Amino acid sequence: MTGHDDVVPPPAGGALTDDAFARIEALFEPIDADLAQHYPGDRIGGQPSHTVYVPASEASENIPAAWGTAALGLLDAHPEAFADLGTTDALPVVRNRLSAAPIQDLRFDFEDGYGWRSDAVEDRHAAAAGAALAALARDTAGPSWLGIRAKGLAAHERRRGIRTLELVLDGAGGVPNGFVFTVPKLRAVEQVSAVVALCEELERAHGLPDRALRFELQIESPQAVVGADGTATLARAITRADGRCTSLHYGTYDYSAACGITSAQQSLTHPVADHAKNVMLAAAAQTGVWVCDGSTQVVPTGSAEQVAASARRHFDLVTRSLERGFYQGWDMHPGHLVTRWLATFEFFRHAMPVAAARLGNYLDRRGGDVMDEPATAQALAGVLVRGLDAGAFGVTELQDVAPSVDRNVLRGLLDRSVTVPLG
């Protein structure tokens, strides 16, 4: 036996031949191609902070302005309910957001929030929703993302859902910028292949550009998380989506009910919700598919005490989601906009000074309390990009802390095209 400090010499005359390298590369190349196809990297930048759901019967291009006005009215009527939420000076920034661009992502809902109506009525609402979406897409202050949730994939409803989607596209005169449609109640991987085929047929029938249609998958069934074969259905579903899936959305109440959770205990914080969402997060990691948390049915209405309790509850839920890596969630009431933006701005404004200082030290190779590696610098850049996208702070505020950090530098750190030499 050799001693601990002994060095074993290499074999005499040892050197891999070209043939050996060719054999090894032949094994690696298909693996590299598969990983590059299915795991291109996280898509940081452009993700909305929330998705607002509005019944399609109320579809209008005036929804963002009306919701922003209602949210400001709630803030003015109950300032005490929001005064103690957070520690930074986020409220002025929230007011600006509610006045200028209160909604980042909007869905007109033809599913659970709409119910069953006559075909003539739903046809009319679908055409009107399409026209409203087209108008919103042209508005520079309108939502960056918009679309519909049609009825689901089950046999009794899919023809109605497909007809509604067609009529929305016809009413919009094509595919509006930022358009995405929600596929509710995913239960089987094969359903995703059928949705991809639907997109291809719609593009062909309506003269739309190839790959113009994108969709998001709503995780509302346990079968979407764990399939009969024991695999994670939603992980396989992402690979079946042919690059058209933009995000996974958690459906709080359908999922909880399907797991047998009583209505009083159904919540975003229940263990079954955390399990499902953590599987979603792991399945979507490095795929470029976003993950969106669900909703709460508690809305800020009633007495001052009820408004304050609801505001605190929603603020805490949004903060909890952000801390766990869910940067998007559903909002179902104008009052949710106040606490959505307040919690989001508070989270990123609190994170910015530390993240910016650490990135500045990393880029300048200065000393500090923490010696960061490229992967950590990438994560710090992600936090700052998300904060900038949300509007929590501006580049000027960022550069007050770290003058060398701007959007180009952040983008380079995210794709690792910015390197910092050692020494």
Protein backbone atom coordinates (compact mmCIF):
# COMPACT_ATOMS: atom_id res chain seq x y z
CA MET A 1 0.00 0.00 0.00
CA THR A 2 1.15 3.54 -0.66
CA GLY A 3 1.27 6.26 1.96
CA HIS A 4 -1.25 9.06 2.09
CA ASP A 5 1.17 11.50 0.44
CA ASP A 6 2.42 9.12 -2.23
CA VAL A 7 1.64 9.97 -5.85
CA VAL A 8 0.80 7.11 -8.17
CA PRO A 9 2.67 7.68 -11.47
CA PRO A 10 0.75 7.51 -14.74
CA PRO A 11 1.15 4.35 -16.80
CA ALA A 12 4.14 4.43 -19.09
CA GLY A 13 3.42 5.70 -22.57
CA GLY A 14 -0.21 6.48 -21.67
CA ALA A 15 -2.14 8.83 -23.97
CA LEU A 16 -5.64 8.56 -25.36
CA THR A 17 -5.68 8.11 -29.10
CA ASP A 18 -7.87 9.99 -31.57
CA ASP A 19 -9.97 6.87 -31.93
CA ALA A 20 -10.51 6.76 -28.17
CA PHE A 21 -11.60 10.39 -28.09
CA ALA A 22 -13.89 9.77 -31.07
CA ARG A 23 -15.52 6.87 -29.25
CA ILE A 24 -16.08 8.97 -26.11
CA GLU A 25 -17.42 11.95 -28.09
CA ALA A 26 -19.82 9.69 -29.99
CA LEU A 27 -21.34 8.71 -26.66
CA PHE A 28 -21.53 12.26 -25.34
CA GLU A 29 -22.85 14.04 -28.44
CA PRO A 30 -26.45 12.72 -28.37
CA ILE A 31 -26.58 13.35 -24.62
CA ASP A 32 -25.41 16.94 -25.16
CA ALA A 33 -28.01 17.46 -27.89
CA ASP A 34 -30.81 16.04 -25.74
CA LEU A 35 -29.89 18.21 -22.75
CA ALA A 36 -29.61 21.31 -24.93
CA GLN A 37 -33.03 20.65 -26.42
CA HIS A 38 -34.91 19.92 -23.20
CA TYR A 39 -32.94 22.09 -20.76
CA PRO A 40 -31.91 25.26 -22.59
CA GLY A 41 -31.80 27.25 -19.33
CA ASP A 42 -34.15 29.32 -17.21
CA ARG A 43 -36.03 32.10 -18.99
CA ILE A 44 -35.32 35.01 -16.65
CA GLY A 45 -36.70 38.30 -17.87
CA GLY A 46 -40.21 39.09 -19.05
CA GLN A 47 -42.12 36.94 -16.58
CA PRO A 48 -45.18 38.81 -15.26
CA SER A 49 -45.59 39.16 -11.51
CA HIS A 50 -49.18 37.97 -11.68
CA THR A 51 -52.05 36.79 -13.85
CA VAL A 52 -55.43 38.49 -13.43
CA TYR A 53 -58.49 36.33 -14.12
CA VAL A 54 -61.72 38.03 -15.22
CA PRO A 55 -64.93 36.23 -16.29
CA ALA A 56 -65.21 36.43 -20.08
CA SER A 57 -68.69 37.92 -19.73
CA GLU A 58 -66.93 41.06 -18.40
CA ALA A 59 -64.25 41.18 -21.11
CA SER A 60 -63.32 44.74 -21.99
CA GLU A 61 -60.26 46.72 -22.96
CA ASN A 62 -61.08 48.91 -19.94
CA ILE A 63 -60.37 46.18 -17.39
CA PRO A 64 -56.81 47.32 -16.48
CA ALA A 65 -57.85 50.94 -15.92
CA ALA A 66 -60.96 49.92 -13.99
CA TRP A 67 -59.02 47.53 -11.77
CA GLY A 68 -56.29 50.10 -11.17
CA THR A 69 -58.85 52.73 -10.17
CA ALA A 70 -60.63 50.30 -7.84
CA ALA A 71 -57.33 49.27 -6.24
CA LEU A 72 -56.35 52.91 -5.64
CA GLY A 73 -59.79 53.53 -4.19
CA LEU A 74 -59.32 50.68 -1.71
CA LEU A 75 -55.87 51.98 -0.78
CA ASP A 76 -57.26 55.46 -0.15
CA ALA A 77 -60.30 54.19 1.78
CA HIS A 78 -58.27 51.92 4.08
CA PRO A 79 -54.73 53.34 4.36
CA GLU A 80 -54.33 51.78 7.81
CA ALA A 81 -54.80 48.28 6.33
CA PHE A 82 -51.65 48.65 4.22
CA ALA A 83 -49.50 51.01 6.31
CA ASP A 84 -47.79 48.25 8.31
CA LEU A 85 -47.16 45.86 5.41
CA GLY A 86 -43.47 45.88 4.65
CA THR A 87 -40.52 47.96 5.78
CA THR A 88 -39.38 49.77 2.63
CA ASP A 89 -40.79 52.84 0.91
CA ALA A 90 -42.69 50.72 -1.60
CA LEU A 91 -46.13 52.37 -1.32
CA PRO A 92 -45.32 55.35 -3.60
CA VAL A 93 -44.03 52.92 -6.23
CA VAL A 94 -47.20 50.84 -5.83
CA ARG A 95 -49.35 53.92 -6.43
CA ASN A 96 -47.44 54.66 -9.63
CA ARG A 97 -47.91 51.09 -10.82
CA LEU A 98 -51.65 51.11 -10.09
CA SER A 99 -52.03 54.40 -11.95
CA ALA A 100 -49.94 53.59 -15.00
CA ALA A 101 -49.91 49.82 -15.64
CA PRO A 102 -51.74 47.86 -12.94
CA ILE A 103 -52.00 44.51 -14.79
CA GLN A 104 -49.08 42.68 -16.39
CA ASP A 105 -50.92 39.54 -17.49
CA LEU A 106 -54.67 39.19 -18.17
CA ARG A 107 -56.90 36.16 -18.86
CA PHE A 108 -60.53 36.29 -19.89
CA ASP A 109 -61.94 33.14 -18.34
CA PHE A 110 -64.41 30.87 -20.18
CA GLU A 111 -63.98 27.99 -17.74
CA ASP A 112 -64.79 27.81 -14.00
CA GLY A 113 -65.15 31.56 -13.61
CA TYR A 114 -67.62 31.67 -16.51
CA GLY A 115 -69.68 28.50 -16.32
CA TRP A 116 -71.99 27.02 -18.95
CA ARG A 117 -74.09 29.32 -21.10
CA SER A 118 -75.86 28.87 -24.39
CA ASP A 119 -73.66 28.50 -27.46
CA ALA A 120 -74.99 31.77 -28.86
CA VAL A 121 -74.06 33.66 -25.70
CA GLU A 122 -70.57 32.16 -25.46
CA ASP A 123 -70.00 32.79 -29.17
CA ARG A 124 -70.85 36.44 -28.65
CA HIS A 125 -68.61 36.74 -25.59
CA ALA A 126 -65.74 35.02 -27.43
CA ALA A 127 -65.85 37.47 -30.33
CA ALA A 128 -66.00 40.41 -27.89
CA ALA A 129 -63.10 39.02 -25.87
CA GLY A 130 -60.98 38.72 -29.00
CA ALA A 131 -61.65 42.34 -29.96
CA ALA A 132 -60.80 43.48 -26.42
CA LEU A 133 -57.55 41.50 -26.41
CA ALA A 134 -56.52 43.00 -29.73
CA ALA A 135 -57.15 46.51 -28.38
CA LEU A 136 -55.19 45.78 -25.20
CA ALA A 137 -52.28 44.39 -27.22
CA ARG A 138 -52.08 47.69 -29.11
CA ASP A 139 -52.01 49.72 -25.88
CA THR A 140 -48.42 50.49 -24.88
CA ALA A 141 -49.53 50.66 -21.23
CA GLY A 142 -51.57 47.46 -21.51
CA PRO A 143 -50.64 43.99 -20.25
CA SER A 144 -47.48 42.45 -21.64
CA TRP A 145 -49.22 39.06 -21.70
CA LEU A 146 -52.89 38.34 -22.33
CA GLY A 147 -55.24 35.62 -23.47
CA ILE A 148 -58.03 33.30 -22.42
CA ARG A 149 -58.75 30.18 -20.43
CA ALA A 150 -61.11 28.10 -22.53
CA LYS A 151 -63.01 25.06 -21.35
CA GLY A 152 -61.02 21.91 -20.69
CA LEU A 153 -59.87 18.81 -22.50
CA ALA A 154 -62.54 16.37 -21.32
CA ALA A 155 -64.79 14.85 -23.98
CA HIS A 156 -67.93 16.73 -22.89
CA GLU A 157 -66.35 20.19 -23.21
CA ARG A 158 -63.42 20.27 -25.60
CA ARG A 159 -65.41 21.01 -28.76
CA ARG A 160 -66.91 24.02 -27.01
CA GLY A 161 -63.47 25.12 -25.82
CA ILE A 162 -61.96 24.82 -29.29
CA ARG A 163 -64.80 26.78 -30.85
CA THR A 164 -64.34 29.54 -28.28
CA LEU A 165 -60.61 29.72 -28.97
CA GLU A 166 -61.28 29.99 -32.71
CA LEU A 167 -63.84 32.76 -32.23
CA VAL A 168 -61.47 34.68 -29.94
CA LEU A 169 -58.75 34.55 -32.58
CA ASP A 170 -61.22 35.63 -35.26
CA GLY A 171 -62.45 38.47 -33.07
CA ALA A 172 -58.87 39.59 -32.50
CA GLY A 173 -58.06 39.42 -36.21
CA GLY A 174 -55.22 36.96 -35.56
CA VAL A 175 -52.88 36.34 -32.65
CA PRO A 176 -52.39 39.48 -30.54
CA ASN A 177 -48.92 40.24 -29.24
CA GLY A 178 -48.37 38.38 -25.99
CA PHE A 179 -51.30 36.01 -26.54
CA VAL A 180 -51.36 32.70 -24.65
CA PHE A 181 -54.21 30.35 -23.86
CA THR A 182 -54.56 28.33 -20.68
CA VAL A 183 -55.14 24.57 -20.85
CA PRO A 184 -57.01 23.66 -17.65
CA LYS A 185 -57.04 20.37 -15.75
CA LEU A 186 -54.13 18.55 -17.36
CA ARG A 187 -54.32 14.84 -16.48
CA ALA A 188 -52.29 12.94 -19.08
CA VAL A 189 -49.10 13.53 -21.06
CA GLU A 190 -50.84 12.57 -24.29
CA GLN A 191 -53.22 15.52 -23.89
CA VAL A 192 -50.29 17.86 -24.50
CA SER A 193 -49.51 16.22 -27.83
CA ALA A 194 -53.15 16.75 -28.79
CA VAL A 195 -52.96 20.44 -27.81
CA VAL A 196 -49.85 20.86 -29.97
CA ALA A 197 -51.76 19.27 -32.87
CA LEU A 198 -54.65 21.67 -32.18
CA CYS A 199 -52.27 24.63 -32.42
CA GLU A 200 -50.91 23.38 -35.73
CA GLU A 201 -54.40 22.87 -37.16
CA LEU A 202 -55.60 26.29 -35.99
CA GLU A 203 -52.56 27.96 -37.54
CA ARG A 204 -53.22 26.13 -40.80
CA ALA A 205 -56.98 26.77 -40.88
CA HIS A 206 -56.79 30.45 -39.92
CA GLY A 207 -53.71 31.37 -41.94
CA LEU A 208 -51.63 32.13 -38.86
CA PRO A 209 -47.83 32.10 -38.82
CA ASP A 210 -46.23 28.80 -37.88
CA ARG A 211 -45.77 28.42 -34.11
CA ALA A 212 -47.75 31.58 -33.42
CA LEU A 213 -49.86 29.90 -30.72
CA ARG A 214 -48.51 29.24 -27.24
CA PHE A 215 -50.20 27.81 -24.18
CA GLU A 216 -49.78 27.31 -20.47
CA LEU A 217 -50.68 24.15 -18.57
CA GLN A 218 -52.81 24.36 -15.46
CA ILE A 219 -51.93 21.82 -12.77
CA GLU A 220 -55.22 21.06 -11.03
CA SER A 221 -55.20 17.26 -10.83
CA PRO A 222 -52.97 14.87 -8.85
CA GLN A 223 -52.53 12.88 -12.08
CA ALA A 224 -50.71 15.88 -13.54
CA VAL A 225 -48.09 15.58 -10.80
CA VAL A 226 -47.79 11.79 -10.46
CA GLY A 227 -49.08 9.59 -13.28
CA ALA A 228 -50.20 5.98 -13.24
CA ASP A 229 -46.72 4.91 -14.33
CA GLY A 230 -45.18 6.61 -11.30
CA THR A 231 -43.49 9.38 -13.27
CA ALA A 232 -43.98 13.14 -12.98
CA THR A 233 -46.61 13.76 -15.66
CA LEU A 234 -45.91 17.47 -15.91
CA ALA A 235 -42.18 16.93 -16.46
CA ARG A 236 -42.94 14.70 -19.42
CA ALA A 237 -45.63 17.14 -20.58
CA ILE A 238 -43.09 19.94 -20.95
CA THR A 239 -41.04 17.82 -23.36
CA ARG A 240 -44.19 17.00 -25.36
CA ALA A 241 -45.12 20.68 -25.77
CA ASP A 242 -42.75 21.26 -28.72
CA GLY A 243 -41.51 24.52 -27.20
CA ARG A 244 -45.02 26.04 -27.10
CA CYS A 245 -45.59 25.79 -23.34
CA THR A 246 -44.82 29.10 -21.63
CA SER A 247 -45.68 28.23 -18.03
CA LEU A 248 -47.21 25.90 -15.47
CA HIS A 249 -50.01 27.33 -13.32
CA TYR A 250 -51.11 25.83 -10.01
CA GLY A 251 -54.88 25.48 -9.47
CA THR A 252 -55.36 25.81 -5.72
CA TYR A 253 -58.87 24.60 -5.11
CA ASP A 254 -59.37 21.93 -7.77
CA TYR A 255 -56.08 20.31 -6.80
CA SER A 256 -56.78 20.41 -3.07
CA ALA A 257 -60.30 19.03 -3.53
CA ALA A 258 -59.00 16.21 -5.72
CA CYS A 259 -56.61 15.27 -2.90
CA GLY A 260 -59.54 15.10 -0.46
CA ILE A 261 -58.72 18.28 1.46
CA THR A 262 -61.80 19.83 3.08
CA SER A 263 -62.78 23.30 1.89
CA ALA A 264 -61.83 24.98 5.15
CA GLN A 265 -58.24 23.72 4.82
CA GLN A 266 -57.72 24.41 1.12
CA SER A 267 -54.91 26.94 0.84
CA LEU A 268 -51.72 27.82 -1.00
CA THR A 269 -49.86 26.91 2.20
CA HIS A 270 -51.30 23.40 2.66
CA PRO A 271 -48.71 20.59 2.42
CA VAL A 272 -50.39 19.10 -0.68
CA ALA A 273 -50.05 22.49 -2.38
CA ASP A 274 -46.40 22.79 -1.44
CA HIS A 275 -45.69 19.29 -2.74
CA ALA A 276 -47.37 19.90 -6.08
CA LYS A 277 -45.70 23.28 -6.55
CA ASN A 278 -42.27 21.96 -5.63
CA VAL A 279 -42.63 19.22 -8.25
CA MET A 280 -43.69 21.91 -10.73
CA LEU A 281 -40.62 23.97 -9.85
CA ALA A 282 -38.25 21.03 -10.22
CA ALA A 283 -39.83 19.84 -13.48
CA ALA A 284 -39.65 23.30 -15.06
CA ALA A 285 -36.12 24.12 -13.87
CA GLN A 286 -33.74 24.92 -16.74
CA THR A 287 -36.47 24.30 -19.35
CA GLY A 288 -37.39 27.94 -19.96
CA VAL A 289 -40.94 27.27 -18.70
CA TRP A 290 -42.18 29.60 -15.96
CA VAL A 291 -44.05 28.48 -12.84
CA CYS A 292 -47.03 30.38 -11.46
CA ASP A 293 -48.56 30.02 -8.00
CA GLY A 294 -52.32 29.86 -7.52
CA SER A 295 -54.97 32.12 -6.01
CA THR A 296 -56.75 32.84 -2.76
CA GLN A 297 -60.52 33.22 -2.54
CA VAL A 298 -60.27 35.69 0.37
CA VAL A 299 -60.81 39.21 -0.97
CA PRO A 300 -60.42 42.60 0.78
CA THR A 301 -64.05 43.63 1.26
CA GLY A 302 -66.31 44.32 4.23
CA SER A 303 -65.41 46.17 7.41
CA ALA A 304 -62.09 47.89 8.03
CA GLU A 305 -61.02 44.92 10.15
CA GLN A 306 -61.94 42.45 7.40
CA VAL A 307 -60.07 44.47 4.78
CA ALA A 308 -56.98 44.65 7.00
CA ALA A 309 -57.06 40.91 7.72
CA SER A 310 -57.49 40.05 4.04
CA ALA A 311 -54.71 42.44 3.03
CA ARG A 312 -52.33 40.94 5.56
CA ARG A 313 -53.22 37.42 4.43
CA HIS A 314 -52.62 38.14 0.74
CA PHE A 315 -49.43 40.10 1.42
CA ASP A 316 -48.06 37.18 3.44
CA LEU A 317 -49.06 34.65 0.78
CA VAL A 318 -47.35 36.60 -2.01
CA THR A 319 -44.24 37.08 0.13
CA ARG A 320 -44.19 33.37 0.95
CA SER A 321 -44.40 32.49 -2.75
CA LEU A 322 -41.57 34.84 -3.66
CA GLU A 323 -39.35 33.45 -0.92
CA ARG A 324 -39.93 29.95 -2.32
CA GLY A 325 -39.10 30.87 -5.92
CA PHE A 326 -42.61 31.42 -7.31
CA TYR A 327 -42.42 34.85 -8.92
CA GLN A 328 -45.94 34.88 -10.36
CA GLY A 329 -49.40 34.20 -8.94
CA TRP A 330 -53.10 34.67 -9.64
CA ASP A 331 -55.10 37.75 -8.68
CA MET A 332 -58.88 37.50 -8.62
CA HIS A 333 -60.00 40.90 -7.26
CA PRO A 334 -58.88 44.52 -7.80
CA GLY A 335 -57.93 44.72 -4.13
CA HIS A 336 -55.39 41.96 -4.66
CA LEU A 337 -53.41 44.31 -6.88
CA VAL A 338 -52.50 46.50 -3.90
CA THR A 339 -50.98 43.68 -1.89
CA ARG A 340 -49.57 41.92 -4.97
CA TRP A 341 -47.51 44.93 -5.93
CA LEU A 342 -46.75 45.92 -2.35
CA ALA A 343 -45.37 42.48 -1.48
CA THR A 344 -43.53 42.18 -4.80
CA PHE A 345 -41.91 45.61 -4.55
CA GLU A 346 -41.07 45.07 -0.88
CA PHE A 347 -39.41 41.75 -1.68
CA PHE A 348 -37.23 43.04 -4.52
CA ARG A 349 -36.46 46.45 -2.97
CA HIS A 350 -35.25 44.68 0.14
CA ALA A 351 -33.14 42.24 -1.91
CA MET A 352 -31.63 44.80 -4.31
CA PRO A 353 -28.96 46.56 -2.18
CA VAL A 354 -27.36 43.30 -0.99
CA ALA A 355 -27.56 41.61 -4.40
CA ALA A 356 -26.22 44.67 -6.22
CA ALA A 357 -23.33 45.13 -3.78
CA ARG A 358 -22.33 41.47 -4.04
CA LEU A 359 -22.46 41.63 -7.85
CA GLY A 360 -20.39 44.82 -7.84
CA ASN A 361 -17.78 43.12 -5.69
CA TYR A 362 -17.85 40.06 -7.93
CA LEU A 363 -17.39 42.09 -11.12
CA ASP A 364 -14.63 44.21 -9.61
CA ARG A 365 -13.08 41.26 -7.74
CA ARG A 366 -13.12 43.22 -4.50
CA GLY A 367 -13.11 41.58 -1.10
CA GLY A 368 -16.26 41.16 0.93
CA ASP A 369 -18.04 39.01 3.45
CA VAL A 370 -18.95 36.44 0.77
CA MET A 371 -16.81 35.07 -2.08
CA ASP A 372 -19.33 34.40 -4.84
CA GLU A 373 -18.99 31.90 -7.67
CA PRO A 374 -20.38 32.25 -11.25
CA ALA A 375 -23.55 30.31 -10.39
CA THR A 376 -24.23 32.60 -7.44
CA ALA A 377 -23.55 35.67 -9.56
CA GLN A 378 -26.06 34.31 -12.07
CA ALA A 379 -28.67 33.92 -9.30
CA LEU A 380 -27.99 37.44 -8.00
CA ALA A 381 -28.41 38.81 -11.53
CA GLY A 382 -31.73 36.96 -11.78
CA VAL A 383 -33.06 38.67 -8.66
CA LEU A 384 -32.12 42.09 -10.04
CA VAL A 385 -33.61 41.42 -13.48
CA ARG A 386 -36.88 40.29 -11.93
CA GLY A 387 -36.97 43.39 -9.73
CA LEU A 388 -36.36 45.65 -12.72
CA ASP A 389 -39.05 43.85 -14.75
CA ALA A 390 -41.57 44.23 -11.93
CA GLY A 391 -40.77 47.94 -11.62
CA ALA A 392 -39.68 47.63 -7.98
CA PHE A 393 -36.66 49.83 -8.68
CA GLY A 394 -34.91 51.40 -11.65
CA VAL A 395 -31.45 51.13 -13.14
CA THR A 396 -30.46 54.43 -11.54
CA GLU A 397 -31.23 53.10 -8.05
CA LEU A 398 -29.34 49.93 -8.89
CA GLN A 399 -26.26 51.83 -10.05
CA ASP A 400 -26.27 53.98 -6.93
CA VAL A 401 -25.23 50.77 -5.17
CA ALA A 402 -23.16 49.16 -7.94
CA PRO A 403 -22.15 51.57 -10.75
CA SER A 404 -20.77 48.76 -12.92
CA VAL A 405 -24.09 46.89 -13.07
CA ASP A 406 -26.55 47.62 -15.87
CA ARG A 407 -29.02 45.55 -17.90
CA ASN A 408 -26.40 44.43 -20.40
CA VAL A 409 -24.13 43.22 -17.63
CA LEU A 410 -27.04 41.44 -15.95
CA ARG A 411 -27.98 39.73 -19.19
CA GLY A 412 -24.38 38.64 -19.70
CA LEU A 413 -24.23 37.19 -16.21
CA LEU A 414 -27.46 35.28 -16.80
CA ASP A 415 -26.18 33.60 -19.96
CA ARG A 416 -22.62 33.52 -18.59
CA SER A 417 -21.22 35.48 -21.49
CA VAL A 418 -19.76 37.93 -18.96
CA THR A 419 -16.73 36.36 -17.36
CA VAL A 420 -14.53 37.68 -14.59
CA PRO A 421 -10.85 36.72 -14.81
CA LEU A 422 -9.17 35.34 -11.70
CA GLY A 423 -6.25 37.20 -10.19
